[in-house]
């Protein structure tokens, strides 16, 4: 359920997975505990190594903000639930990422995307 589908070498207390969304994107569930996430959507930072675009990874360094949520129900680790890029506002850009061994489109803020595009 984290970046690589196994325990992260960089941070064993971090889980990065795609959020569980209903078809309207109005109900968000934690990919680990399946409870609703009541927190507002934001841009939690995730390891940039999940991104497939090397230019963006080089431009942002170790972490990149991604459109999604944090599930605060977990005491032992930090769960970052990412939204599919299609649910992000127009100010975000879609980019491919590898999450749980699958290539998915996630959304990063436009200025961050532009930094990678200018590399």
Foldseek 3Di string as FASTA:
>chain_A
DAQALDQDPVDSQEREAAWDADPVRPWTAFPPPRHTAPDDWDWDKDAPQQFPQVLLCVQPDGIFTWTFDWRPPDDRHTYTHFYACVPDDPQWDWGWGQHNNDTGITTGGNVSVVSSVVD
